[in-house]
């Protein structure tokens, strides 16, 4: 039973982090434009 719960928790964590990444990417891009941030090659 614990293994089943752990698998569900891992999947829920993936969904949470995916949704955070989707919302954070535009904010990070805007911050880069406003600060003139450039990544090194």
PDB file of N, CA and C in Angstrom:
ATOM      1  N   UNK A   1       0.817  -1.186   0.000  1.00  0.00           N
ATOM      2  CA  UNK A   1       0.000   0.000   0.000  1.00  0.00           C
ATOM      3  C   UNK A   1       0.868   1.260   0.000  1.00  0.00           C
ATOM      4  N   UNK A   2       1.954   1.247   0.704  1.00  0.00           N
ATOM      5  CA  UNK A   2       2.837   2.415   0.767  1.00  0.00           C
ATOM      6  C   UNK A   2       3.443   2.709  -0.602  1.00  0.00           C
ATOM      7  N   UNK A   3       3.813   1.659  -1.335  1.00  0.00           N
ATOM      8  CA  UNK A   3       4.411   1.842  -2.657  1.00  0.00           C
ATOM      9  C   UNK A   3       3.425   2.497  -3.618  1.00  0.00           C
ATOM     10  N   UNK A   4       2.167   2.118  -3.539  1.00  0.00           N
ATOM     11  CA  UNK A   4       1.152   2.721  -4.403  1.00  0.00           C
ATOM     12  C   UNK A   4       1.004   4.198  -4.078  1.00  0.00           C
ATOM     13  N   UNK A   5       0.947   4.539  -2.806  1.00  0.00           N
ATOM     14  CA  UNK A   5       0.824   5.933  -2.394  1.00  0.00           C
ATOM     15  C   UNK A   5       2.046   6.733  -2.838  1.00  0.00           C
ATOM     16  N   UNK A   6       3.229   6.159  -2.710  1.00  0.00           N
ATOM     17  CA  UNK A   6       4.452   6.854  -3.110  1.00  0.00           C
ATOM     18  C   UNK A   6       4.444   7.149  -4.606  1.00  0.00           C
ATOM     19  N   UNK A   7       3.960   6.209  -5.394  1.00  0.00           N
ATOM     20  CA  UNK A   7       3.897   6.425  -6.845  1.00  0.00           C
ATOM     21  C   UNK A   7       2.927   7.552  -7.178  1.00  0.00           C
ATOM     22  N   UNK A   8       1.785   7.595  -6.513  1.00  0.00           N
ATOM     23  CA  UNK A   8       0.813   8.665  -6.732  1.00  0.00           C
ATOM     24  C   UNK A   8       1.404  10.010  -6.330  1.00  0.00           C
ATOM     25  N   UNK A   9       2.085  10.043  -5.212  1.00  0.00           N
ATOM     26  CA  UNK A   9       2.688  11.286  -4.728  1.00  0.00           C
ATOM     27  C   UNK A   9       3.729  11.782  -5.729  1.00  0.00           C
ATOM     28  N   UNK A  10       4.528  10.877  -6.282  1.00  0.00           N
ATOM     29  CA  UNK A  10       5.539  11.268  -7.262  1.00  0.00           C
ATOM     30  C   UNK A  10       4.878  11.863  -8.497  1.00  0.00           C
ATOM     31  N   UNK A  11       3.798  11.254  -8.953  1.00  0.00           N
ATOM     32  CA  UNK A  11       3.095  11.756 -10.133  1.00  0.00           C
ATOM     33  C   UNK A  11       2.494  13.134  -9.856  1.00  0.00           C
ATOM     34  N   UNK A  12       1.918  13.309  -8.670  1.00  0.00           N
ATOM     35  CA  UNK A  12       1.352  14.606  -8.305  1.00  0.00           C
ATOM     36  C   UNK A  12       2.445  15.665  -8.227  1.00  0.00           C
ATOM     37  N   UNK A  13       3.610  15.297  -7.741  1.00  0.00           N
ATOM     38  CA  UNK A  13       4.735  16.224  -7.693  1.00  0.00           C
ATOM     39  C   UNK A  13       5.148  16.661  -9.085  1.00  0.00           C
ATOM     40  N   UNK A  14       5.176  15.728 -10.034  1.00  0.00           N
ATOM     41  CA  UNK A  14       5.525  16.060 -11.412  1.00  0.00           C
ATOM     42  C   UNK A  14       4.531  17.057 -11.993  1.00  0.00           C
ATOM     43  N   UNK A  15       3.239  16.837 -11.744  1.00  0.00           N
ATOM     44  CA  UNK A  15       2.210  17.746 -12.245  1.00  0.00           C
ATOM     45  C   UNK A  15       2.397  19.127 -11.635  1.00  0.00           C
ATOM     46  N   UNK A  16       2.684  19.184 -10.332  1.00  0.00           N
ATOM     47  CA  UNK A  16       2.889  20.464  -9.655  1.00  0.00           C
ATOM     48  C   UNK A  16       4.070  21.212 -10.269  1.00  0.00           C
ATOM     49  N   UNK A  17       5.205  20.553 -10.410  1.00  0.00           N
ATOM     50  CA  UNK A  17       6.383  21.222 -10.947  1.00  0.00           C
ATOM     51  C   UNK A  17       6.202  21.627 -12.404  1.00  0.00           C
ATOM     52  N   UNK A  18       5.504  20.810 -13.189  1.00  0.00           N
ATOM     53  CA  UNK A  18       5.225  21.176 -14.581  1.00  0.00           C
ATOM     54  C   UNK A  18       4.385  22.446 -14.639  1.00  0.00           C
ATOM     55  N   UNK A  19       3.375  22.553 -13.769  1.00  0.00           N
ATOM     56  CA  UNK A  19       2.510  23.731 -13.792  1.00  0.00           C
ATOM     57  C   UNK A  19       3.267  24.972 -13.321  1.00  0.00           C
ATOM     58  N   UNK A  20       4.170  24.813 -12.383  1.00  0.00           N
ATOM     59  CA  UNK A  20       4.977  25.948 -11.923  1.00  0.00           C
ATOM     60  C   UNK A  20       5.897  26.415 -13.044  1.00  0.00           C
ATOM     61  N   UNK A  21       6.499  25.478 -13.751  1.00  0.00           N
ATOM     62  CA  UNK A  21       7.406  25.830 -14.846  1.00  0.00           C
ATOM     63  C   UNK A  21       6.673  26.589 -15.947  1.00  0.00           C
ATOM     64  N   UNK A  22       5.461  26.172 -16.264  1.00  0.00           N
ATOM     65  CA  UNK A  22       4.683  26.839 -17.306  1.00  0.00           C
ATOM     66  C   UNK A  22       4.420  28.289 -16.930  1.00  0.00           C
ATOM     67  N   UNK A  23       4.145  28.548 -15.653  1.00  0.00           N
ATOM     68  CA  UNK A  23       3.862  29.918 -15.215  1.00  0.00           C
ATOM     69  C   UNK A  23       5.137  30.732 -15.031  1.00  0.00           C
ATOM     70  N   UNK A  24       6.236  30.093 -14.665  1.00  0.00           N
ATOM     71  CA  UNK A  24       7.461  30.818 -14.357  1.00  0.00           C
ATOM     72  C   UNK A  24       8.235  31.240 -15.604  1.00  0.00           C
ATOM     73  N   UNK A  25       8.185  30.462 -16.672  1.00  0.00           N
ATOM     74  CA  UNK A  25       8.967  30.762 -17.869  1.00  0.00           C
ATOM     75  C   UNK A  25       8.718  32.165 -18.414  1.00  0.00           C
ATOM     76  N   UNK A  26       7.467  32.606 -18.581  1.00  0.00           N
ATOM     77  CA  UNK A  26       7.249  33.965 -19.086  1.00  0.00           C
ATOM     78  C   UNK A  26       7.800  35.040 -18.131  1.00  0.00           C
ATOM     79  N   UNK A  27       7.696  34.803 -16.825  1.00  0.00           N
ATOM     80  CA  UNK A  27       8.222  35.781 -15.862  1.00  0.00           C
ATOM     81  C   UNK A  27       9.744  35.853 -15.927  1.00  0.00           C
ATOM     82  N   UNK A  28      10.381  34.709 -16.096  1.00  0.00           N
ATOM     83  CA  UNK A  28      11.844  34.686 -16.199  1.00  0.00           C
ATOM     84  C   UNK A  28      12.288  35.392 -17.475  1.00  0.00           C
ATOM     85  N   UNK A  29      11.587  35.135 -18.581  1.00  0.00           N
ATOM     86  CA  UNK A  29      11.920  35.807 -19.839  1.00  0.00           C
ATOM     87  C   UNK A  29      11.773  37.318 -19.717  1.00  0.00           C
ATOM     88  N   UNK A  30      10.716  37.768 -19.051  1.00  0.00           N
ATOM     89  CA  UNK A  30      10.522  39.205 -18.866  1.00  0.00           C
ATOM     90  C   UNK A  30      11.640  39.788 -18.009  1.00  0.00           C
ATOM     91  N   UNK A  31      12.034  39.086 -16.949  1.00  0.00           N
ATOM     92  CA  UNK A  31      13.115  39.563 -16.089  1.00  0.00           C
ATOM     93  C   UNK A  31      14.407  39.690 -16.889  1.00  0.00           C
ATOM     94  N   UNK A  32      14.668  38.701 -17.760  1.00  0.00           N
ATOM     95  CA  UNK A  32      15.879  38.758 -18.587  1.00  0.00           C
ATOM     96  C   UNK A  32      15.855  39.980 -19.498  1.00  0.00           C
ATOM     97  N   UNK A  33      14.692  40.284 -20.095  1.00  0.00           N
ATOM     98  CA  UNK A  33      14.593  41.461 -20.972  1.00  0.00           C
ATOM     99  C   UNK A  33      14.794  42.754 -20.186  1.00  0.00           C
ATOM    100  N   UNK A  34      14.188  42.831 -19.007  1.00  0.00           N
ATOM    101  CA  UNK A  34      14.265  44.057 -18.213  1.00  0.00           C
ATOM    102  C   UNK A  34      15.674  44.298 -17.649  1.00  0.00           C
ATOM    103  N   UNK A  35      16.392  43.237 -17.331  1.00  0.00           N
ATOM    104  CA  UNK A  35      17.722  43.400 -16.728  1.00  0.00           C
ATOM    105  C   UNK A  35      18.847  43.325 -17.750  1.00  0.00           C
ATOM    106  N   UNK A  36      18.512  42.955 -18.996  1.00  0.00           N
ATOM    107  CA  UNK A  36      19.550  42.807 -20.010  1.00  0.00           C
ATOM    108  C   UNK A  36      20.390  41.565 -19.792  1.00  0.00           C
ATOM    109  N   UNK A  37      19.831  40.591 -19.095  1.00  0.00           N
ATOM    110  CA  UNK A  37      20.542  39.351 -18.796  1.00  0.00           C
ATOM    111  C   UNK A  37      20.785  38.562 -20.078  1.00  0.00           C
ATOM    112  N   UNK A  38      22.010  38.075 -20.235  1.00  0.00           N
ATOM    113  CA  UNK A  38      22.345  37.226 -21.382  1.00  0.00           C
ATOM    114  C   UNK A  38      23.061  35.989 -20.874  1.00  0.00           C
ATOM    115  N   UNK A  39      22.653  34.817 -21.382  1.00  0.00           N
ATOM    116  CA  UNK A  39      23.311  33.575 -21.005  1.00  0.00           C
ATOM    117  C   UNK A  39      24.620  33.429 -21.743  1.00  0.00           C
ATOM    118  N   UNK A  40      25.603  32.864 -21.061  1.00  0.00           N
ATOM    119  CA  UNK A  40      26.886  32.614 -21.717  1.00  0.00           C
ATOM    120  C   UNK A  40      26.759  31.377 -22.606  1.00  0.00           C
ATOM    121  N   UNK A  41      27.402  31.391 -23.778  1.00  0.00           N
ATOM    122  CA  UNK A  41      27.318  30.210 -24.666  1.00  0.00           C
ATOM    123  C   UNK A  41      27.964  28.984 -24.100  1.00  0.00           C
TER     124      UNK A  41
END
